[in-house]
Amino acid sequence: RDMEIKDALDEGTQIHGTQSFDTALLKLYKKGKISFNEAMLNATSP
């Protein structure tokens, strides 16, 4: 069930420290380190 892995990574963020690319990009954007366009350009699911 490999297609479900991305969602499972985000569900385990608080407990296990896992995260998807999109969550990593969201964190960088919230910190003001990357632009909105750069986040969209690199997102798995823009």
ModelCIF file with pLDDT and N, C-alpha, C, O atoms, coordinates in Angstrom:
data_MODEL
#
_entry.id   MODEL 
#
_entity.id                         1 
_entity.type                       polymer 
_entity.pdbx_number_of_molecules   1 
#
_entity_poly.entity_id                      1 
_entity_poly.type                           'polypeptide(L)' 
_entity_poly.nstd_linkage                   no 
_entity_poly.nstd_monomer                   no 
_entity_poly.pdbx_seq_one_letter_code       RDMEIKDALDEGTQIHGTQSFDTALLKLYKKGKISFNEAMLNATSP 
_entity_poly.pdbx_seq_one_letter_code_can   RDMEIKDALDEGTQIHGTQSFDTALLKLYKKGKISFNEAMLNATSP 
_entity_poly.pdbx_strand_id                 A 
#
loop_
_entity_poly_seq.entity_id 
_entity_poly_seq.num 
_entity_poly_seq.mon_id 
_entity_poly_seq.hetero 
1 1  ARG n 
1 2  ASP n 
1 3  MET n 
1 4  GLU n 
1 5  ILE n 
1 6  LYS n 
1 7  ASP n 
1 8  ALA n 
1 9  LEU n 
1 10 ASP n 
1 11 GLU n 
1 12 GLY n 
1 13 THR n 
1 14 GLN n 
1 15 ILE n 
1 16 HIS n 
1 17 GLY n 
1 18 THR n 
1 19 GLN n 
1 20 SER n 
1 21 PHE n 
1 22 ASP n 
1 23 THR n 
1 24 ALA n 
1 25 LEU n 
1 26 LEU n 
1 27 LYS n 
1 28 LEU n 
1 29 TYR n 
1 30 LYS n 
1 31 LYS n 
1 32 GLY n 
1 33 LYS n 
1 34 ILE n 
1 35 SER n 
1 36 PHE n 
1 37 ASN n 
1 38 GLU n 
1 39 ALA n 
1 40 MET n 
1 41 LEU n 
1 42 ASN n 
1 43 ALA n 
1 44 THR n 
1 45 SER n 
1 46 PRO n 
#
_struct_asym.id          A 
_struct_asym.entity_id   1 
#
loop_
_ma_qa_metric.id 
_ma_qa_metric.mode 
_ma_qa_metric.name 
_ma_qa_metric.software_group_id 
_ma_qa_metric.type 
1 global pLDDT . pLDDT 
2 local  pLDDT . pLDDT 
#
_ma_qa_metric_global.metric_id      1 
_ma_qa_metric_global.metric_value   94.28 
_ma_qa_metric_global.model_id       1 
_ma_qa_metric_global.ordinal_id     1 
#
loop_
_ma_qa_metric_local.label_asym_id 
_ma_qa_metric_local.label_comp_id 
_ma_qa_metric_local.label_seq_id 
_ma_qa_metric_local.metric_id 
_ma_qa_metric_local.metric_value 
_ma_qa_metric_local.model_id 
_ma_qa_metric_local.ordinal_id 
A ARG 1  2 95.00 1 1  
A ASP 2  2 92.00 1 2  
A MET 3  2 92.00 1 3  
A GLU 4  2 96.00 1 4  
A ILE 5  2 95.00 1 5  
A LYS 6  2 93.00 1 6  
A ASP 7  2 94.00 1 7  
A ALA 8  2 96.00 1 8  
A LEU 9  2 96.00 1 9  
A ASP 10 2 94.00 1 10 
A GLU 11 2 94.00 1 11 
A GLY 12 2 93.00 1 12 
A THR 13 2 92.00 1 13 
A GLN 14 2 91.00 1 14 
A ILE 15 2 92.00 1 15 
A HIS 16 2 94.00 1 16 
A GLY 17 2 94.00 1 17 
A THR 18 2 96.00 1 18 
A GLN 19 2 96.00 1 19 
A SER 20 2 96.00 1 20 
A PHE 21 2 95.00 1 21 
A ASP 22 2 95.00 1 22 
A THR 23 2 95.00 1 23 
A ALA 24 2 96.00 1 24 
A LEU 25 2 96.00 1 25 
A LEU 26 2 95.00 1 26 
A LYS 27 2 94.00 1 27 
A LEU 28 2 96.00 1 28 
A TYR 29 2 95.00 1 29 
A LYS 30 2 94.00 1 30 
A LYS 31 2 93.00 1 31 
A GLY 32 2 94.00 1 32 
A LYS 33 2 95.00 1 33 
A ILE 34 2 96.00 1 34 
A SER 35 2 95.00 1 35 
A PHE 36 2 94.00 1 36 
A ASN 37 2 94.00 1 37 
A GLU 38 2 95.00 1 38 
A ALA 39 2 95.00 1 39 
A MET 40 2 95.00 1 40 
A LEU 41 2 94.00 1 41 
A ASN 42 2 94.00 1 42 
A ALA 43 2 93.00 1 43 
A THR 44 2 92.00 1 44 
A SER 45 2 92.00 1 45 
A PRO 46 2 94.00 1 46 
#
loop_
_atom_site.group_PDB 
_atom_site.id 
_atom_site.type_symbol 
_atom_site.label_atom_id 
_atom_site.label_alt_id 
_atom_site.label_comp_id 
_atom_site.label_asym_id 
_atom_site.label_entity_id 
_atom_site.label_seq_id 
_atom_site.pdbx_PDB_ins_code 
_atom_site.Cartn_x 
_atom_site.Cartn_y 
_atom_site.Cartn_z 
_atom_site.occupancy 
_atom_site.B_iso_or_equiv 
_atom_site.pdbx_formal_charge 
_atom_site.auth_seq_id 
_atom_site.auth_comp_id 
_atom_site.auth_asym_id 
_atom_site.auth_atom_id 
_atom_site.pdbx_PDB_model_num 
ATOM 1   N N  . ARG A 1 1  ? 0.848  -1.206 0.000  1.00 95.00 ? 1  ARG A N  1 
ATOM 2   C CA . ARG A 1 1  ? 0.000  0.000  0.000  1.00 95.00 ? 1  ARG A CA 1 
ATOM 3   C C  . ARG A 1 1  ? 0.881  1.253  0.000  1.00 95.00 ? 1  ARG A C  1 
ATOM 4   O O  . ARG A 1 1  ? 0.713  2.144  0.832  1.00 95.00 ? 1  ARG A O  1 
ATOM 5   N N  . ASP A 1 2  ? 1.819  1.305  -0.942 1.00 92.00 ? 2  ASP A N  1 
ATOM 6   C CA . ASP A 1 2  ? 2.812  2.368  -0.967 1.00 92.00 ? 2  ASP A CA 1 
ATOM 7   C C  . ASP A 1 2  ? 2.196  3.745  -1.186 1.00 92.00 ? 2  ASP A C  1 
ATOM 8   O O  . ASP A 1 2  ? 2.757  4.745  -0.738 1.00 92.00 ? 2  ASP A O  1 
ATOM 9   N N  . MET A 1 3  ? 1.048  3.817  -1.872 1.00 92.00 ? 3  MET A N  1 
ATOM 10  C CA . MET A 1 3  ? 0.423  5.102  -2.144 1.00 92.00 ? 3  MET A CA 1 
ATOM 11  C C  . MET A 1 3  ? -0.079 5.790  -0.871 1.00 92.00 ? 3  MET A C  1 
ATOM 12  O O  . MET A 1 3  ? -0.341 6.993  -0.878 1.00 92.00 ? 3  MET A O  1 
ATOM 13  N N  . GLU A 1 4  ? -0.210 5.039  0.207  1.00 96.00 ? 4  GLU A N  1 
ATOM 14  C CA . GLU A 1 4  ? -0.702 5.601  1.459  1.00 96.00 ? 4  GLU A CA 1 
ATOM 15  C C  . GLU A 1 4  ? 0.410  6.114  2.358  1.00 96.00 ? 4  GLU A C  1 
ATOM 16  O O  . GLU A 1 4  ? 0.144  6.668  3.425  1.00 96.00 ? 4  GLU A O  1 
ATOM 17  N N  . ILE A 1 5  ? 1.680  5.929  1.924  1.00 95.00 ? 5  ILE A N  1 
ATOM 18  C CA . ILE A 1 5  ? 2.818  6.272  2.779  1.00 95.00 ? 5  ILE A CA 1 
ATOM 19  C C  . ILE A 1 5  ? 2.884  7.769  3.052  1.00 95.00 ? 5  ILE A C  1 
ATOM 20  O O  . ILE A 1 5  ? 3.158  8.177  4.180  1.00 95.00 ? 5  ILE A O  1 
ATOM 21  N N  . LYS A 1 6  ? 2.635  8.600  2.029  1.00 93.00 ? 6  LYS A N  1 
ATOM 22  C CA . LYS A 1 6  ? 2.738  10.049 2.213  1.00 93.00 ? 6  LYS A CA 1 
ATOM 23  C C  . LYS A 1 6  ? 1.824  10.537 3.334  1.00 93.00 ? 6  LYS A C  1 
ATOM 24  O O  . LYS A 1 6  ? 2.255  11.307 4.193  1.00 93.00 ? 6  LYS A O  1 
ATOM 25  N N  . ASP A 1 7  ? 0.567  10.097 3.331  1.00 94.00 ? 7  ASP A N  1 
ATOM 26  C CA . ASP A 1 7  ? -0.361 10.511 4.385  1.00 94.00 ? 7  ASP A CA 1 
ATOM 27  C C  . ASP A 1 7  ? 0.058  9.966  5.742  1.00 94.00 ? 7  ASP A C  1 
ATOM 28  O O  . ASP A 1 7  ? -0.099 10.634 6.764  1.00 94.00 ? 7  ASP A O  1 
ATOM 29  N N  . ALA A 1 8  ? 0.593  8.748  5.746  1.00 96.00 ? 8  ALA A N  1 
ATOM 30  C CA . ALA A 1 8  ? 1.029  8.147  7.010  1.00 96.00 ? 8  ALA A CA 1 
ATOM 31  C C  . ALA A 1 8  ? 2.185  8.930  7.627  1.00 96.00 ? 8  ALA A C  1 
ATOM 32  O O  . ALA A 1 8  ? 2.288  9.026  8.850  1.00 96.00 ? 8  ALA A O  1 
ATOM 33  N N  . LEU A 1 9  ? 3.054  9.491  6.785  1.00 96.00 ? 9  LEU A N  1 
ATOM 34  C CA . LEU A 1 9  ? 4.172  10.274 7.308  1.00 96.00 ? 9  LEU A CA 1 
ATOM 35  C C  . LEU A 1 9  ? 3.673  11.512 8.030  1.00 96.00 ? 9  LEU A C  1 
ATOM 36  O O  . LEU A 1 9  ? 4.190  11.852 9.095  1.00 96.00 ? 9  LEU A O  1 
ATOM 37  N N  . ASP A 1 10 ? 2.685  12.190 7.477  1.00 94.00 ? 10 ASP A N  1 
ATOM 38  C CA . ASP A 1 10 ? 2.154  13.389 8.125  1.00 94.00 ? 10 ASP A CA 1 
ATOM 39  C C  . ASP A 1 10 ? 1.351  13.048 9.381  1.00 94.00 ? 10 ASP A C  1 
ATOM 40  O O  . ASP A 1 10 ? 1.339  13.812 10.346 1.00 94.00 ? 10 ASP A O  1 
ATOM 41  N N  . GLU A 1 11 ? 0.684  11.897 9.357  1.00 94.00 ? 11 GLU A N  1 
ATOM 42  C CA . GLU A 1 11 ? -0.074 11.480 10.546 1.00 94.00 ? 11 GLU A CA 1 
ATOM 43  C C  . GLU A 1 11 ? 0.851  11.155 11.712 1.00 94.00 ? 11 GLU A C  1 
ATOM 44  O O  . GLU A 1 11 ? 0.451  11.245 12.872 1.00 94.00 ? 11 GLU A O  1 
ATOM 45  N N  . GLY A 1 12 ? 2.096  10.776 11.401 1.00 93.00 ? 12 GLY A N  1 
ATOM 46  C CA . GLY A 1 12 ? 3.036  10.401 12.466 1.00 93.00 ? 12 GLY A CA 1 
ATOM 47  C C  . GLY A 1 12 ? 3.970  11.511 12.884 1.00 93.00 ? 12 GLY A C  1 
ATOM 48  O O  . GLY A 1 12 ? 4.914  11.273 13.637 1.00 93.00 ? 12 GLY A O  1 
ATOM 49  N N  . THR A 1 13 ? 3.723  12.740 12.404 1.00 92.00 ? 13 THR A N  1 
ATOM 50  C CA . THR A 1 13 ? 4.648  13.835 12.684 1.00 92.00 ? 13 THR A CA 1 
ATOM 51  C C  . THR A 1 13 ? 4.803  14.105 14.170 1.00 92.00 ? 13 THR A C  1 
ATOM 52  O O  . THR A 1 13 ? 5.924  14.203 14.668 1.00 92.00 ? 13 THR A O  1 
ATOM 53  N N  . GLN A 1 14 ? 3.698  14.224 14.879 1.00 91.00 ? 14 GLN A N  1 
ATOM 54  C CA . GLN A 1 14 ? 3.763  14.582 16.293 1.00 91.00 ? 14 GLN A CA 1 
ATOM 55  C C  . GLN A 1 14 ? 4.378  13.487 17.149 1.00 91.00 ? 14 GLN A C  1 
ATOM 56  O O  . GLN A 1 14 ? 5.120  13.775 18.088 1.00 91.00 ? 14 GLN A O  1 
ATOM 57  N N  . ILE A 1 15 ? 4.073  12.226 16.828 1.00 92.00 ? 15 ILE A N  1 
ATOM 58  C CA . ILE A 1 15 ? 4.535  11.111 17.672 1.00 92.00 ? 15 ILE A CA 1 
ATOM 59  C C  . ILE A 1 15 ? 5.918  10.624 17.268 1.00 92.00 ? 15 ILE A C  1 
ATOM 60  O O  . ILE A 1 15 ? 6.776  10.396 18.122 1.00 92.00 ? 15 ILE A O  1 
ATOM 61  N N  . HIS A 1 16 ? 6.135  10.462 15.960 1.00 94.00 ? 16 HIS A N  1 
ATOM 62  C CA . HIS A 1 16 ? 7.360  9.805  15.495 1.00 94.00 ? 16 HIS A CA 1 
ATOM 63  C C  . HIS A 1 16 ? 8.364  10.748 14.838 1.00 94.00 ? 16 HIS A C  1 
ATOM 64  O O  . HIS A 1 16 ? 9.511  10.357 14.619 1.00 94.00 ? 16 HIS A O  1 
ATOM 65  N N  . GLY A 1 17 ? 7.968  11.971 14.521 1.00 94.00 ? 17 GLY A N  1 
ATOM 66  C CA . GLY A 1 17 ? 8.885  12.892 13.867 1.00 94.00 ? 17 GLY A CA 1 
ATOM 67  C C  . GLY A 1 17 ? 8.977  12.714 12.367 1.00 94.00 ? 17 GLY A C  1 
ATOM 68  O O  . GLY A 1 17 ? 9.879  13.257 11.730 1.00 94.00 ? 17 GLY A O  1 
ATOM 69  N N  . THR A 1 18 ? 8.045  11.952 11.791 1.00 96.00 ? 18 THR A N  1 
ATOM 70  C CA . THR A 1 18 ? 8.028  11.772 10.344 1.00 96.00 ? 18 THR A CA 1 
ATOM 71  C C  . THR A 1 18 ? 7.361  12.978 9.675  1.00 96.00 ? 18 THR A C  1 
ATOM 72  O O  . THR A 1 18 ? 6.628  13.730 10.317 1.00 96.00 ? 18 THR A O  1 
ATOM 73  N N  . GLN A 1 19 ? 7.625  13.147 8.384  1.00 96.00 ? 19 GLN A N  1 
ATOM 74  C CA . GLN A 1 19 ? 6.963  14.222 7.647  1.00 96.00 ? 19 GLN A CA 1 
ATOM 75  C C  . GLN A 1 19 ? 7.107  13.993 6.152  1.00 96.00 ? 19 GLN A C  1 
ATOM 76  O O  . GLN A 1 19 ? 8.071  13.376 5.698  1.00 96.00 ? 19 GLN A O  1 
ATOM 77  N N  . SER A 1 20 ? 6.141  14.493 5.391  1.00 96.00 ? 20 SER A N  1 
ATOM 78  C CA . SER A 1 20 ? 6.197  14.437 3.939  1.00 96.00 ? 20 SER A CA 1 
ATOM 79  C C  . SER A 1 20 ? 6.967  15.646 3.418  1.00 96.00 ? 20 SER A C  1 
ATOM 80  O O  . SER A 1 20 ? 7.253  16.576 4.172  1.00 96.00 ? 20 SER A O  1 
ATOM 81  N N  . PHE A 1 21 ? 7.302  15.631 2.127  1.00 95.00 ? 21 PHE A N  1 
ATOM 82  C CA . PHE A 1 21 ? 7.950  16.786 1.517  1.00 95.00 ? 21 PHE A CA 1 
ATOM 83  C C  . PHE A 1 21 ? 7.099  18.034 1.657  1.00 95.00 ? 21 PHE A C  1 
ATOM 84  O O  . PHE A 1 21 ? 7.609  19.113 1.960  1.00 95.00 ? 21 PHE A O  1 
ATOM 85  N N  . ASP A 1 22 ? 5.799  17.883 1.436  1.00 95.00 ? 22 ASP A N  1 
ATOM 86  C CA . ASP A 1 22 ? 4.933  19.054 1.474  1.00 95.00 ? 22 ASP A CA 1 
ATOM 87  C C  . ASP A 1 22 ? 4.905  19.686 2.860  1.00 95.00 ? 22 ASP A C  1 
ATOM 88  O O  . ASP A 1 22 ? 4.844  20.909 2.986  1.00 95.00 ? 22 ASP A O  1 
ATOM 89  N N  . THR A 1 23 ? 4.948  18.859 3.895  1.00 95.00 ? 23 THR A N  1 
ATOM 90  C CA . THR A 1 23 ? 5.005  19.388 5.256  1.00 95.00 ? 23 THR A CA 1 
ATOM 91  C C  . THR A 1 23 ? 6.328  20.091 5.501  1.00 95.00 ? 23 THR A C  1 
ATOM 92  O O  . THR A 1 23 ? 6.370  21.136 6.150  1.00 95.00 ? 23 THR A O  1 
ATOM 93  N N  . ALA A 1 24 ? 7.419  19.517 4.979  1.00 96.00 ? 24 ALA A N  1 
ATOM 94  C CA . ALA A 1 24 ? 8.731  20.157 5.116  1.00 96.00 ? 24 ALA A CA 1 
ATOM 95  C C  . ALA A 1 24 ? 8.727  21.524 4.436  1.00 96.00 ? 24 ALA A C  1 
ATOM 96  O O  . ALA A 1 24 ? 9.254  22.493 4.982  1.00 96.00 ? 24 ALA A O  1 
ATOM 97  N N  . LEU A 1 25 ? 8.139  21.602 3.253  1.00 96.00 ? 25 LEU A N  1 
ATOM 98  C CA . LEU A 1 25 ? 8.063  22.870 2.532  1.00 96.00 ? 25 LEU A CA 1 
ATOM 99  C C  . LEU A 1 25 ? 7.178  23.880 3.264  1.00 96.00 ? 25 LEU A C  1 
ATOM 100 O O  . LEU A 1 25 ? 7.486  25.071 3.311  1.00 96.00 ? 25 LEU A O  1 
ATOM 101 N N  . LEU A 1 26 ? 6.080  23.390 3.833  1.00 95.00 ? 26 LEU A N  1 
ATOM 102 C CA . LEU A 1 26 ? 5.185  24.271 4.591  1.00 95.00 ? 26 LEU A CA 1 
ATOM 103 C C  . LEU A 1 26 ? 5.923  24.880 5.785  1.00 95.00 ? 26 LEU A C  1 
ATOM 104 O O  . LEU A 1 26 ? 5.776  26.068 6.074  1.00 95.00 ? 26 LEU A O  1 
ATOM 105 N N  . LYS A 1 27 ? 6.709  24.065 6.469  1.00 94.00 ? 27 LYS A N  1 
ATOM 106 C CA . LYS A 1 27 ? 7.464  24.575 7.623  1.00 94.00 ? 27 LYS A CA 1 
ATOM 107 C C  . LYS A 1 27 ? 8.467  25.648 7.193  1.00 94.00 ? 27 LYS A C  1 
ATOM 108 O O  . LYS A 1 27 ? 8.615  26.677 7.852  1.00 94.00 ? 27 LYS A O  1 
ATOM 109 N N  . LEU A 1 28 ? 9.153  25.386 6.076  1.00 96.00 ? 28 LEU A N  1 
ATOM 110 C CA . LEU A 1 28 ? 10.132 26.359 5.585  1.00 96.00 ? 28 LEU A CA 1 
ATOM 111 C C  . LEU A 1 28 ? 9.444  27.658 5.168  1.00 96.00 ? 28 LEU A C  1 
ATOM 112 O O  . LEU A 1 28 ? 9.976  28.746 5.387  1.00 96.00 ? 28 LEU A O  1 
ATOM 113 N N  . TYR A 1 29 ? 8.261  27.537 4.567  1.00 95.00 ? 29 TYR A N  1 
ATOM 114 C CA . TYR A 1 29 ? 7.514  28.730 4.151  1.00 95.00 ? 29 TYR A CA 1 
ATOM 115 C C  . TYR A 1 29 ? 7.041  29.520 5.370  1.00 95.00 ? 29 TYR A C  1 
ATOM 116 O O  . TYR A 1 29 ? 7.146  30.746 5.395  1.00 95.00 ? 29 TYR A O  1 
ATOM 117 N N  . LYS A 1 30 ? 6.523  28.823 6.375  1.00 94.00 ? 30 LYS A N  1 
ATOM 118 C CA . LYS A 1 30 ? 6.045  29.497 7.582  1.00 94.00 ? 30 LYS A CA 1 
ATOM 119 C C  . LYS A 1 30 ? 7.172  30.252 8.288  1.00 94.00 ? 30 LYS A C  1 
ATOM 120 O O  . LYS A 1 30 ? 6.951  31.304 8.887  1.00 94.00 ? 30 LYS A O  1 
ATOM 121 N N  . LYS A 1 31 ? 8.400  29.688 8.206  1.00 93.00 ? 31 LYS A N  1 
ATOM 122 C CA . LYS A 1 31 ? 9.551  30.347 8.827  1.00 93.00 ? 31 LYS A CA 1 
ATOM 123 C C  . LYS A 1 31 ? 10.053 31.525 8.000  1.00 93.00 ? 31 LYS A C  1 
ATOM 124 O O  . LYS A 1 31 ? 10.932 32.266 8.438  1.00 93.00 ? 31 LYS A O  1 
ATOM 125 N N  . GLY A 1 32 ? 9.491  31.698 6.797  1.00 94.00 ? 32 GLY A N  1 
ATOM 126 C CA . GLY A 1 32 ? 9.931  32.777 5.930  1.00 94.00 ? 32 GLY A CA 1 
ATOM 127 C C  . GLY A 1 32 ? 11.214 32.487 5.193  1.00 94.00 ? 32 GLY A C  1 
ATOM 128 O O  . GLY A 1 32 ? 11.852 33.405 4.677  1.00 94.00 ? 32 GLY A O  1 
ATOM 129 N N  . LYS A 1 33 ? 11.612 31.205 5.131  1.00 95.00 ? 33 LYS A N  1 
ATOM 130 C CA . LYS A 1 33 ? 12.880 30.861 4.490  1.00 95.00 ? 33 LYS A CA 1 
ATOM 131 C C  . LYS A 1 33 ? 12.737 30.687 2.983  1.00 95.00 ? 33 LYS A C  1 
ATOM 132 O O  . LYS A 1 33 ? 13.690 30.933 2.243  1.00 95.00 ? 33 LYS A O  1 
ATOM 133 N N  . ILE A 1 34 ? 11.559 30.266 2.514  1.00 96.00 ? 34 ILE A N  1 
ATOM 134 C CA . ILE A 1 34 ? 11.358 30.083 1.083  1.00 96.00 ? 34 ILE A CA 1 
ATOM 135 C C  . ILE A 1 34 ? 10.110 30.835 0.644  1.00 96.00 ? 34 ILE A C  1 
ATOM 136 O O  . ILE A 1 34 ? 9.223  31.107 1.453  1.00 96.00 ? 34 ILE A O  1 
ATOM 137 N N  . SER A 1 35 ? 10.046 31.166 -0.631 1.00 95.00 ? 35 SER A N  1 
ATOM 138 C CA . SER A 1 35 ? 8.902  31.899 -1.168 1.00 95.00 ? 35 SER A CA 1 
ATOM 139 C C  . SER A 1 35 ? 7.739  30.950 -1.457 1.00 95.00 ? 35 SER A C  1 
ATOM 140 O O  . SER A 1 35 ? 7.898  29.729 -1.478 1.00 95.00 ? 35 SER A O  1 
ATOM 141 N N  . PHE A 1 36 ? 6.575  31.543 -1.675 1.00 94.00 ? 36 PHE A N  1 
ATOM 142 C CA . PHE A 1 36 ? 5.399  30.757 -2.036 1.00 94.00 ? 36 PHE A CA 1 
ATOM 143 C C  . PHE A 1 36 ? 5.639  30.015 -3.355 1.00 94.00 ? 36 PHE A C  1 
ATOM 144 O O  . PHE A 1 36 ? 5.297  28.839 -3.475 1.00 94.00 ? 36 PHE A O  1 
ATOM 145 N N  . ASN A 1 37 ? 6.222  30.696 -4.338 1.00 94.00 ? 37 ASN A N  1 
ATOM 146 C CA . ASN A 1 37 ? 6.484  30.065 -5.633 1.00 94.00 ? 37 ASN A CA 1 
ATOM 147 C C  . ASN A 1 37 ? 7.446  28.892 -5.510 1.00 94.00 ? 37 ASN A C  1 
ATOM 148 O O  . ASN A 1 37 ? 7.276  27.867 -6.170 1.00 94.00 ? 37 ASN A O  1 
ATOM 149 N N  . GLU A 1 38 ? 8.457  29.048 -4.660 1.00 95.00 ? 38 GLU A N  1 
ATOM 150 C CA . GLU A 1 38 ? 9.433  27.965 -4.486 1.00 95.00 ? 38 GLU A CA 1 
ATOM 151 C C  . GLU A 1 38 ? 8.775  26.762 -3.820 1.00 95.00 ? 38 GLU A C  1 
ATOM 152 O O  . GLU A 1 38 ? 9.073  25.619 -4.165 1.00 95.00 ? 38 GLU A O  1 
ATOM 153 N N  . ALA A 1 39 ? 7.888  27.015 -2.875 1.00 95.00 ? 39 ALA A N  1 
ATOM 154 C CA . ALA A 1 39 ? 7.159  25.912 -2.238 1.00 95.00 ? 39 ALA A CA 1 
ATOM 155 C C  . ALA A 1 39 ? 6.306  25.172 -3.257 1.00 95.00 ? 39 ALA A C  1 
ATOM 156 O O  . ALA A 1 39 ? 6.290  23.941 -3.281 1.00 95.00 ? 39 ALA A O  1 
ATOM 157 N N  . MET A 1 40 ? 5.598  25.919 -4.100 1.00 95.00 ? 40 MET A N  1 
ATOM 158 C CA . MET A 1 40 ? 4.754  25.293 -5.126 1.00 95.00 ? 40 MET A CA 1 
ATOM 159 C C  . MET A 1 40 ? 5.590  24.517 -6.140 1.00 95.00 ? 40 MET A C  1 
ATOM 160 O O  . MET A 1 40 ? 5.200  23.437 -6.581 1.00 95.00 ? 40 MET A O  1 
ATOM 161 N N  . LEU A 1 41 ? 6.743  25.077 -6.505 1.00 94.00 ? 41 LEU A N  1 
ATOM 162 C CA . LEU A 1 41 ? 7.607  24.465 -7.518 1.00 94.00 ? 41 LEU A CA 1 
ATOM 163 C C  . LEU A 1 41 ? 8.124  23.107 -7.066 1.00 94.00 ? 41 LEU A C  1 
ATOM 164 O O  . LEU A 1 41 ? 8.329  22.216 -7.891 1.00 94.00 ? 41 LEU A O  1 
ATOM 165 N N  . ASN A 1 42 ? 8.336  22.941 -5.769 1.00 94.00 ? 42 ASN A N  1 
ATOM 166 C CA . ASN A 1 42 ? 8.943  21.713 -5.259 1.00 94.00 ? 42 ASN A CA 1 
ATOM 167 C C  . ASN A 1 42 ? 7.966  20.766 -4.583 1.00 94.00 ? 42 ASN A C  1 
ATOM 168 O O  . ASN A 1 42 ? 8.355  19.687 -4.137 1.00 94.00 ? 42 ASN A O  1 
ATOM 169 N N  . ALA A 1 43 ? 6.705  21.157 -4.504 1.00 93.00 ? 43 ALA A N  1 
ATOM 170 C CA . ALA A 1 43 ? 5.720  20.338 -3.792 1.00 93.00 ? 43 ALA A CA 1 
ATOM 171 C C  . ALA A 1 43 ? 5.421  19.033 -4.520 1.00 93.00 ? 43 ALA A C  1 
ATOM 172 O O  . ALA A 1 43 ? 5.430  18.979 -5.750 1.00 93.00 ? 43 ALA A O  1 
ATOM 173 N N  . THR A 1 44 ? 5.158  17.990 -3.751 1.00 92.00 ? 44 THR A N  1 
ATOM 174 C CA . THR A 1 44 ? 4.702  16.730 -4.319 1.00 92.00 ? 44 THR A CA 1 
ATOM 175 C C  . THR A 1 44 ? 3.269  16.872 -4.812 1.00 92.00 ? 44 THR A C  1 
ATOM 176 O O  . THR A 1 44 ? 2.920  16.378 -5.884 1.00 92.00 ? 44 THR A O  1 
ATOM 177 N N  . SER A 1 45 ? 2.438  17.555 -4.018 1.00 92.00 ? 45 SER A N  1 
ATOM 178 C CA . SER A 1 45 ? 1.042  17.829 -4.390 1.00 92.00 ? 45 SER A CA 1 
ATOM 179 C C  . SER A 1 45 ? 0.795  19.324 -4.249 1.00 92.00 ? 45 SER A C  1 
ATOM 180 O O  . SER A 1 45 ? 0.310  19.770 -3.209 1.00 92.00 ? 45 SER A O  1 
ATOM 181 N N  . PRO A 1 46 ? 1.122  20.116 -5.288 1.00 94.00 ? 46 PRO A N  1 
ATOM 182 C CA . PRO A 1 46 ? 1.010  21.576 -5.185 1.00 94.00 ? 46 PRO A CA 1 
ATOM 183 C C  . PRO A 1 46 ? -0.370 22.070 -4.768 1.00 94.00 ? 46 PRO A C  1 
ATOM 184 O O  . PRO A 1 46 ? -0.584 23.276 -4.648 1.00 94.00 ? 46 PRO A O  1 
#
